[in-house]
């Protein structure tokens, strides 16, 4: 994931923290919750000293959409 961010955003975005949690879906036929996928919670920092240090240059939605399309998983991104 870091390589993909680097290809798209250069070395300007740094991953502070990443948590991957499993998700589940309810199966009515079996009457139970079954493993479904995963959700990635990502804390991203814009590298200090870069020309794009102001957060307005990168939106949370832009980074989230990029990662979701790349990984085919739900992502929750936050800038720190």
PDB file of N, CA and C in Angstrom:
ATOM      1  N   UNK A   1       0.817  -1.173   0.000  1.00  0.00           N
ATOM      2  CA  UNK A   1       0.000   0.000   0.000  1.00  0.00           C
ATOM      3  C   UNK A   1       0.871   1.251   0.000  1.00  0.00           C
ATOM      4  N   UNK A   2       1.945   1.218   0.765  1.00  0.00           N
ATOM      5  CA  UNK A   2       2.854   2.368   0.794  1.00  0.00           C
ATOM      6  C   UNK A   2       3.440   2.650  -0.591  1.00  0.00           C
ATOM      7  N   UNK A   3       3.773   1.591  -1.316  1.00  0.00           N
ATOM      8  CA  UNK A   3       4.313   1.765  -2.667  1.00  0.00           C
ATOM      9  C   UNK A   3       3.289   2.424  -3.587  1.00  0.00           C
ATOM     10  N   UNK A   4       2.035   2.031  -3.459  1.00  0.00           N
ATOM     11  CA  UNK A   4       0.981   2.612  -4.293  1.00  0.00           C
ATOM     12  C   UNK A   4       0.774   4.082  -3.973  1.00  0.00           C
ATOM     13  N   UNK A   5       0.790   4.418  -2.690  1.00  0.00           N
ATOM     14  CA  UNK A   5       0.672   5.827  -2.309  1.00  0.00           C
ATOM     15  C   UNK A   5       1.855   6.627  -2.841  1.00  0.00           C
ATOM     16  N   UNK A   6       3.042   6.021  -2.774  1.00  0.00           N
ATOM     17  CA  UNK A   6       4.239   6.705  -3.250  1.00  0.00           C
ATOM     18  C   UNK A   6       4.180   6.936  -4.760  1.00  0.00           C
ATOM     19  N   UNK A   7       3.680   5.950  -5.505  1.00  0.00           N
ATOM     20  CA  UNK A   7       3.558   6.112  -6.954  1.00  0.00           C
ATOM     21  C   UNK A   7       2.595   7.235  -7.315  1.00  0.00           C
ATOM     22  N   UNK A   8       1.509   7.364  -6.559  1.00  0.00           N
ATOM     23  CA  UNK A   8       0.496   8.363  -6.882  1.00  0.00           C
ATOM     24  C   UNK A   8       0.768   9.738  -6.276  1.00  0.00           C
ATOM     25  N   UNK A   9       1.364   9.763  -5.077  1.00  0.00           N
ATOM     26  CA  UNK A   9       1.532  11.024  -4.355  1.00  0.00           C
ATOM     27  C   UNK A   9       2.993  11.360  -4.056  1.00  0.00           C
ATOM     28  N   UNK A  10       3.910  10.586  -4.589  1.00  0.00           N
ATOM     29  CA  UNK A  10       5.325  10.807  -4.279  1.00  0.00           C
ATOM     30  C   UNK A  10       5.593  10.430  -2.832  1.00  0.00           C
ATOM     31  N   UNK A  11       6.591  11.044  -2.243  1.00  0.00           N
ATOM     32  CA  UNK A  11       6.912  10.731  -0.847  1.00  0.00           C
ATOM     33  C   UNK A  11       6.250  11.725   0.107  1.00  0.00           C
ATOM     34  N   UNK A  12       5.163  12.361  -0.345  1.00  0.00           N
ATOM     35  CA  UNK A  12       4.517  13.413   0.438  1.00  0.00           C
ATOM     36  C   UNK A  12       3.545  12.885   1.486  1.00  0.00           C
ATOM     37  N   UNK A  13       3.009  11.668   1.290  1.00  0.00           N
ATOM     38  CA  UNK A  13       2.077  11.085   2.247  1.00  0.00           C
ATOM     39  C   UNK A  13       2.756   9.946   2.996  1.00  0.00           C
ATOM     40  N   UNK A  14       2.633   9.965   4.308  1.00  0.00           N
ATOM     41  CA  UNK A  14       3.207   8.932   5.155  1.00  0.00           C
ATOM     42  C   UNK A  14       2.092   8.240   5.936  1.00  0.00           C
ATOM     43  N   UNK A  15       2.172   6.931   6.046  1.00  0.00           N
ATOM     44  CA  UNK A  15       1.186   6.191   6.826  1.00  0.00           C
ATOM     45  C   UNK A  15       1.621   6.218   8.282  1.00  0.00           C
ATOM     46  N   UNK A  16       0.768   6.808   9.129  1.00  0.00           N
ATOM     47  CA  UNK A  16       1.032   6.848  10.574  1.00  0.00           C
ATOM     48  C   UNK A  16       0.627   5.546  11.241  1.00  0.00           C
ATOM     49  N   UNK A  17      -0.584   5.113  10.921  1.00  0.00           N
ATOM     50  CA  UNK A  17      -1.136   3.925  11.573  1.00  0.00           C
ATOM     51  C   UNK A  17      -2.110   3.246  10.622  1.00  0.00           C
ATOM     52  N   UNK A  18      -2.139   1.921  10.675  1.00  0.00           N
ATOM     53  CA  UNK A  18      -3.066   1.168   9.854  1.00  0.00           C
ATOM     54  C   UNK A  18      -3.637   0.024  10.679  1.00  0.00           C
ATOM     55  N   UNK A  19      -4.963  -0.076  10.675  1.00  0.00           N
ATOM     56  CA  UNK A  19      -5.652  -1.158  11.375  1.00  0.00           C
ATOM     57  C   UNK A  19      -6.571  -1.834  10.359  1.00  0.00           C
ATOM     58  N   UNK A  20      -6.499  -3.154  10.291  1.00  0.00           N
ATOM     59  CA  UNK A  20      -7.352  -3.924   9.380  1.00  0.00           C
ATOM     60  C   UNK A  20      -8.282  -4.776  10.242  1.00  0.00           C
ATOM     61  N   UNK A  21      -9.573  -4.559  10.052  1.00  0.00           N
ATOM     62  CA  UNK A  21     -10.558  -5.316  10.819  1.00  0.00           C
ATOM     63  C   UNK A  21     -11.439  -6.140   9.885  1.00  0.00           C
ATOM     64  N   UNK A  22     -11.763  -7.359  10.292  1.00  0.00           N
ATOM     65  CA  UNK A  22     -12.653  -8.183   9.466  1.00  0.00           C
ATOM     66  C   UNK A  22     -14.084  -7.662   9.542  1.00  0.00           C
ATOM     67  N   UNK A  23     -14.816  -7.836   8.461  1.00  0.00           N
ATOM     68  CA  UNK A  23     -16.239  -7.508   8.441  1.00  0.00           C
ATOM     69  C   UNK A  23     -17.027  -8.794   8.266  1.00  0.00           C
ATOM     70  N   UNK A  24     -18.306  -8.712   8.603  1.00  0.00           N
ATOM     71  CA  UNK A  24     -19.164  -9.885   8.507  1.00  0.00           C
ATOM     72  C   UNK A  24     -20.475  -9.512   7.834  1.00  0.00           C
ATOM     73  N   UNK A  25     -21.153 -10.519   7.318  1.00  0.00           N
ATOM     74  CA  UNK A  25     -22.498 -10.316   6.773  1.00  0.00           C
ATOM     75  C   UNK A  25     -23.411 -11.378   7.370  1.00  0.00           C
ATOM     76  N   UNK A  26     -24.666 -11.033   7.451  1.00  0.00           N
ATOM     77  CA  UNK A  26     -25.637 -11.953   8.043  1.00  0.00           C
ATOM     78  C   UNK A  26     -26.233 -12.834   6.958  1.00  0.00           C
ATOM     79  N   UNK A  27     -26.184 -14.137   7.181  1.00  0.00           N
ATOM     80  CA  UNK A  27     -26.767 -15.118   6.265  1.00  0.00           C
ATOM     81  C   UNK A  27     -28.095 -15.583   6.860  1.00  0.00           C
ATOM     82  N   UNK A  28     -29.185 -15.194   6.212  1.00  0.00           N
ATOM     83  CA  UNK A  28     -30.515 -15.533   6.734  1.00  0.00           C
ATOM     84  C   UNK A  28     -30.798 -17.029   6.676  1.00  0.00           C
ATOM     85  N   UNK A  29     -30.275 -17.693   5.656  1.00  0.00           N
ATOM     86  CA  UNK A  29     -30.522 -19.135   5.524  1.00  0.00           C
ATOM     87  C   UNK A  29     -29.858 -19.910   6.661  1.00  0.00           C
ATOM     88  N   UNK A  30     -28.651 -19.519   7.005  1.00  0.00           N
ATOM     89  CA  UNK A  30     -27.925 -20.205   8.079  1.00  0.00           C
ATOM     90  C   UNK A  30     -28.194 -19.579   9.437  1.00  0.00           C
ATOM     91  N   UNK A  31     -28.844 -18.410   9.430  1.00  0.00           N
ATOM     92  CA  UNK A  31     -29.163 -17.685  10.652  1.00  0.00           C
ATOM     93  C   UNK A  31     -27.913 -17.420  11.499  1.00  0.00           C
ATOM     94  N   UNK A  32     -26.880 -16.926  10.806  1.00  0.00           N
ATOM     95  CA  UNK A  32     -25.643 -16.611  11.512  1.00  0.00           C
ATOM     96  C   UNK A  32     -24.820 -15.583  10.732  1.00  0.00           C
ATOM     97  N   UNK A  33     -23.882 -14.983  11.448  1.00  0.00           N
ATOM     98  CA  UNK A  33     -22.961 -14.028  10.831  1.00  0.00           C
ATOM     99  C   UNK A  33     -21.792 -14.787  10.228  1.00  0.00           C
ATOM    100  N   UNK A  34     -21.422 -14.420   9.005  1.00  0.00           N
ATOM    101  CA  UNK A  34     -20.335 -15.087   8.307  1.00  0.00           C
ATOM    102  C   UNK A  34     -19.253 -14.069   7.927  1.00  0.00           C
ATOM    103  N   UNK A  35     -17.989 -14.491   7.917  1.00  0.00           N
ATOM    104  CA  UNK A  35     -16.926 -13.580   7.465  1.00  0.00           C
ATOM    105  C   UNK A  35     -17.220 -13.090   6.055  1.00  0.00           C
ATOM    106  N   UNK A  36     -16.946 -11.819   5.834  1.00  0.00           N
ATOM    107  CA  UNK A  36     -17.273 -11.230   4.539  1.00  0.00           C
ATOM    108  C   UNK A  36     -16.051 -10.621   3.868  1.00  0.00           C
ATOM    109  N   UNK A  37     -15.413  -9.684   4.522  1.00  0.00           N
ATOM    110  CA  UNK A  37     -14.300  -8.965   3.924  1.00  0.00           C
ATOM    111  C   UNK A  37     -13.480  -8.318   5.043  1.00  0.00           C
ATOM    112  N   UNK A  38     -12.874  -7.176   4.711  1.00  0.00           N
ATOM    113  CA  UNK A  38     -12.102  -6.413   5.693  1.00  0.00           C
ATOM    114  C   UNK A  38     -12.301  -4.926   5.442  1.00  0.00           C
ATOM    115  N   UNK A  39     -12.109  -4.143   6.482  1.00  0.00           N
ATOM    116  CA  UNK A  39     -12.089  -2.693   6.378  1.00  0.00           C
ATOM    117  C   UNK A  39     -10.737  -2.211   6.884  1.00  0.00           C
ATOM    118  N   UNK A  40     -10.157  -1.264   6.161  1.00  0.00           N
ATOM    119  CA  UNK A  40      -8.850  -0.713   6.539  1.00  0.00           C
ATOM    120  C   UNK A  40      -9.066   0.693   7.098  1.00  0.00           C
ATOM    121  N   UNK A  41      -8.585   0.911   8.317  1.00  0.00           N
ATOM    122  CA  UNK A  41      -8.588   2.235   8.930  1.00  0.00           C
ATOM    123  C   UNK A  41      -7.166   2.762   8.832  1.00  0.00           C
ATOM    124  N   UNK A  42      -7.015   3.903   8.196  1.00  0.00           N
ATOM    125  CA  UNK A  42      -5.689   4.408   7.871  1.00  0.00           C
ATOM    126  C   UNK A  42      -5.534   5.845   8.348  1.00  0.00           C
ATOM    127  N   UNK A  43      -4.466   6.086   9.081  1.00  0.00           N
ATOM    128  CA  UNK A  43      -4.111   7.428   9.510  1.00  0.00           C
ATOM    129  C   UNK A  43      -2.918   7.871   8.676  1.00  0.00           C
ATOM    130  N   UNK A  44      -3.109   8.960   7.903  1.00  0.00           N
ATOM    131  CA  UNK A  44      -2.102   9.419   6.955  1.00  0.00           C
ATOM    132  C   UNK A  44      -1.623  10.812   7.362  1.00  0.00           C
ATOM    133  N   UNK A  45      -0.343  11.029   7.205  1.00  0.00           N
ATOM    134  CA  UNK A  45       0.249  12.324   7.521  1.00  0.00           C
ATOM    135  C   UNK A  45       0.898  12.889   6.260  1.00  0.00           C
ATOM    136  N   UNK A  46       0.690  14.181   6.029  1.00  0.00           N
ATOM    137  CA  UNK A  46       1.383  14.844   4.930  1.00  0.00           C
ATOM    138  C   UNK A  46       2.759  15.241   5.450  1.00  0.00           C
ATOM    139  N   UNK A  47       3.773  14.826   4.728  1.00  0.00           N
ATOM    140  CA  UNK A  47       5.152  15.043   5.154  1.00  0.00           C
ATOM    141  C   UNK A  47       5.440  16.534   5.335  1.00  0.00           C
ATOM    142  N   UNK A  48       5.922  16.882   6.513  1.00  0.00           N
ATOM    143  CA  UNK A  48       6.266  18.274   6.795  1.00  0.00           C
ATOM    144  C   UNK A  48       7.401  18.722   5.888  1.00  0.00           C
ATOM    145  N   UNK A  49       7.330  19.986   5.501  1.00  0.00           N
ATOM    146  CA  UNK A  49       8.373  20.531   4.649  1.00  0.00           C
ATOM    147  C   UNK A  49       8.109  20.334   3.174  1.00  0.00           C
ATOM    148  N   UNK A  50       7.123  19.492   2.834  1.00  0.00           N
ATOM    149  CA  UNK A  50       6.810  19.324   1.411  1.00  0.00           C
ATOM    150  C   UNK A  50       6.016  20.543   0.939  1.00  0.00           C
ATOM    151  N   UNK A  51       6.048  20.789  -0.352  1.00  0.00           N
ATOM    152  CA  UNK A  51       5.316  21.933  -0.913  1.00  0.00           C
ATOM    153  C   UNK A  51       3.819  21.796  -0.701  1.00  0.00           C
ATOM    154  N   UNK A  52       3.340  20.568  -0.530  1.00  0.00           N
ATOM    155  CA  UNK A  52       1.902  20.305  -0.395  1.00  0.00           C
ATOM    156  C   UNK A  52       1.505  20.059   1.060  1.00  0.00           C
ATOM    157  N   UNK A  53       2.180  20.701   1.993  1.00  0.00           N
ATOM    158  CA  UNK A  53       1.925  20.444   3.409  1.00  0.00           C
ATOM    159  C   UNK A  53       0.508  20.817   3.817  1.00  0.00           C
ATOM    160  N   UNK A  54      -0.089  21.791   3.147  1.00  0.00           N
ATOM    161  CA  UNK A  54      -1.448  22.182   3.505  1.00  0.00           C
ATOM    162  C   UNK A  54      -2.413  21.085   3.088  1.00  0.00           C
ATOM    163  N   UNK A  55      -3.221  20.622   4.018  1.00  0.00           N
ATOM    164  CA  UNK A  55      -4.108  19.486   3.795  1.00  0.00           C
ATOM    165  C   UNK A  55      -5.129  19.720   2.693  1.00  0.00           C
ATOM    166  N   UNK A  56      -5.363  20.954   2.330  1.00  0.00           N
ATOM    167  CA  UNK A  56      -6.354  21.224   1.292  1.00  0.00           C
ATOM    168  C   UNK A  56      -5.929  20.679  -0.073  1.00  0.00           C
ATOM    169  N   UNK A  57      -4.637  20.397  -0.247  1.00  0.00           N
ATOM    170  CA  UNK A  57      -4.164  19.880  -1.527  1.00  0.00           C
ATOM    171  C   UNK A  57      -4.560  18.426  -1.746  1.00  0.00           C
ATOM    172  N   UNK A  58      -4.760  17.677  -0.675  1.00  0.00           N
ATOM    173  CA  UNK A  58      -5.205  16.292  -0.759  1.00  0.00           C
ATOM    174  C   UNK A  58      -6.467  16.167   0.082  1.00  0.00           C
ATOM    175  N   UNK A  59      -7.498  15.600  -0.489  1.00  0.00           N
ATOM    176  CA  UNK A  59      -8.722  15.424   0.278  1.00  0.00           C
ATOM    177  C   UNK A  59      -8.790  13.988   0.784  1.00  0.00           C
ATOM    178  N   UNK A  60      -9.487  13.825   1.873  1.00  0.00           N
ATOM    179  CA  UNK A  60      -9.687  12.486   2.430  1.00  0.00           C
ATOM    180  C   UNK A  60     -10.404  11.617   1.400  1.00  0.00           C
ATOM    181  N   UNK A  61     -11.410  12.196   0.730  1.00  0.00           N
ATOM    182  CA  UNK A  61     -12.161  11.428  -0.277  1.00  0.00           C
ATOM    183  C   UNK A  61     -11.265  10.982  -1.427  1.00  0.00           C
ATOM    184  N   UNK A  62     -10.358  11.834  -1.856  1.00  0.00           N
ATOM    185  CA  UNK A  62      -9.456  11.486  -2.959  1.00  0.00           C
ATOM    186  C   UNK A  62      -8.589  10.281  -2.591  1.00  0.00           C
ATOM    187  N   UNK A  63      -7.989  10.323  -1.424  1.00  0.00           N
ATOM    188  CA  UNK A  63      -7.118   9.225  -0.988  1.00  0.00           C
ATOM    189  C   UNK A  63      -7.943   7.974  -0.724  1.00  0.00           C
ATOM    190  N   UNK A  64      -9.112   8.134  -0.096  1.00  0.00           N
ATOM    191  CA  UNK A  64      -9.991   6.988   0.180  1.00  0.00           C
ATOM    192  C   UNK A  64     -10.418   6.311  -1.123  1.00  0.00           C
ATOM    193  N   UNK A  65     -10.885   7.085  -2.081  1.00  0.00           N
ATOM    194  CA  UNK A  65     -11.331   6.515  -3.362  1.00  0.00           C
ATOM    195  C   UNK A  65     -10.196   5.807  -4.085  1.00  0.00           C
ATOM    196  N   UNK A  66      -9.003   6.395  -4.043  1.00  0.00           N
ATOM    197  CA  UNK A  66      -7.850   5.769  -4.674  1.00  0.00           C
ATOM    198  C   UNK A  66      -7.564   4.401  -4.051  1.00  0.00           C
ATOM    199  N   UNK A  67      -7.515   4.340  -2.721  1.00  0.00           N
ATOM    200  CA  UNK A  67      -7.192   3.080  -2.040  1.00  0.00           C
ATOM    201  C   UNK A  67      -8.295   2.045  -2.223  1.00  0.00           C
ATOM    202  N   UNK A  68      -9.552   2.465  -2.152  1.00  0.00           N
ATOM    203  CA  UNK A  68     -10.651   1.512  -2.327  1.00  0.00           C
ATOM    204  C   UNK A  68     -10.651   0.914  -3.733  1.00  0.00           C
ATOM    205  N   UNK A  69     -10.358   1.734  -4.734  1.00  0.00           N
ATOM    206  CA  UNK A  69     -10.324   1.211  -6.099  1.00  0.00           C
ATOM    207  C   UNK A  69      -9.124   0.293  -6.307  1.00  0.00           C
ATOM    208  N   UNK A  70      -8.042   0.575  -5.628  1.00  0.00           N
ATOM    209  CA  UNK A  70      -6.837  -0.232  -5.750  1.00  0.00           C
ATOM    210  C   UNK A  70      -6.975  -1.571  -5.022  1.00  0.00           C
ATOM    211  N   UNK A  71      -7.498  -1.528  -3.801  1.00  0.00           N
ATOM    212  CA  UNK A  71      -7.534  -2.709  -2.945  1.00  0.00           C
ATOM    213  C   UNK A  71      -8.849  -3.483  -3.009  1.00  0.00           C
ATOM    214  N   UNK A  72      -9.889  -2.846  -3.530  1.00  0.00           N
ATOM    215  CA  UNK A  72     -11.224  -3.436  -3.539  1.00  0.00           C
ATOM    216  C   UNK A  72     -11.693  -3.791  -2.125  1.00  0.00           C
ATOM    217  N   UNK A  73     -11.356  -2.917  -1.178  1.00  0.00           N
ATOM    218  CA  UNK A  73     -11.774  -3.046   0.214  1.00  0.00           C
ATOM    219  C   UNK A  73     -12.263  -1.687   0.690  1.00  0.00           C
ATOM    220  N   UNK A  74     -13.135  -1.697   1.698  1.00  0.00           N
ATOM    221  CA  UNK A  74     -13.573  -0.438   2.283  1.00  0.00           C
ATOM    222  C   UNK A  74     -12.415   0.171   3.065  1.00  0.00           C
ATOM    223  N   UNK A  75     -12.193   1.465   2.882  1.00  0.00           N
ATOM    224  CA  UNK A  75     -11.120   2.169   3.574  1.00  0.00           C
ATOM    225  C   UNK A  75     -11.672   3.397   4.278  1.00  0.00           C
ATOM    226  N   UNK A  76     -11.188   3.634   5.472  1.00  0.00           N
ATOM    227  CA  UNK A  76     -11.511   4.841   6.230  1.00  0.00           C
ATOM    228  C   UNK A  76     -10.209   5.575   6.469  1.00  0.00           C
ATOM    229  N   UNK A  77     -10.041   6.721   5.806  1.00  0.00           N
ATOM    230  CA  UNK A  77      -8.792   7.476   5.848  1.00  0.00           C
ATOM    231  C   UNK A  77      -9.004   8.743   6.669  1.00  0.00           C
ATOM    232  N   UNK A  78      -7.986   9.088   7.464  1.00  0.00           N
ATOM    233  CA  UNK A  78      -8.003  10.327   8.222  1.00  0.00           C
ATOM    234  C   UNK A  78      -6.612  10.936   8.175  1.00  0.00           C
ATOM    235  N   UNK A  79      -6.544  12.249   8.028  1.00  0.00           N
ATOM    236  CA  UNK A  79      -5.255  12.949   8.084  1.00  0.00           C
ATOM    237  C   UNK A  79      -4.952  13.301   9.526  1.00  0.00           C
ATOM    238  N   UNK A  80      -3.705  13.139   9.909  1.00  0.00           N
ATOM    239  CA  UNK A  80      -3.288  13.519  11.263  1.00  0.00           C
ATOM    240  C   UNK A  80      -2.294  14.646  11.201  1.00  0.00           C
TER     241      UNK A  80
END
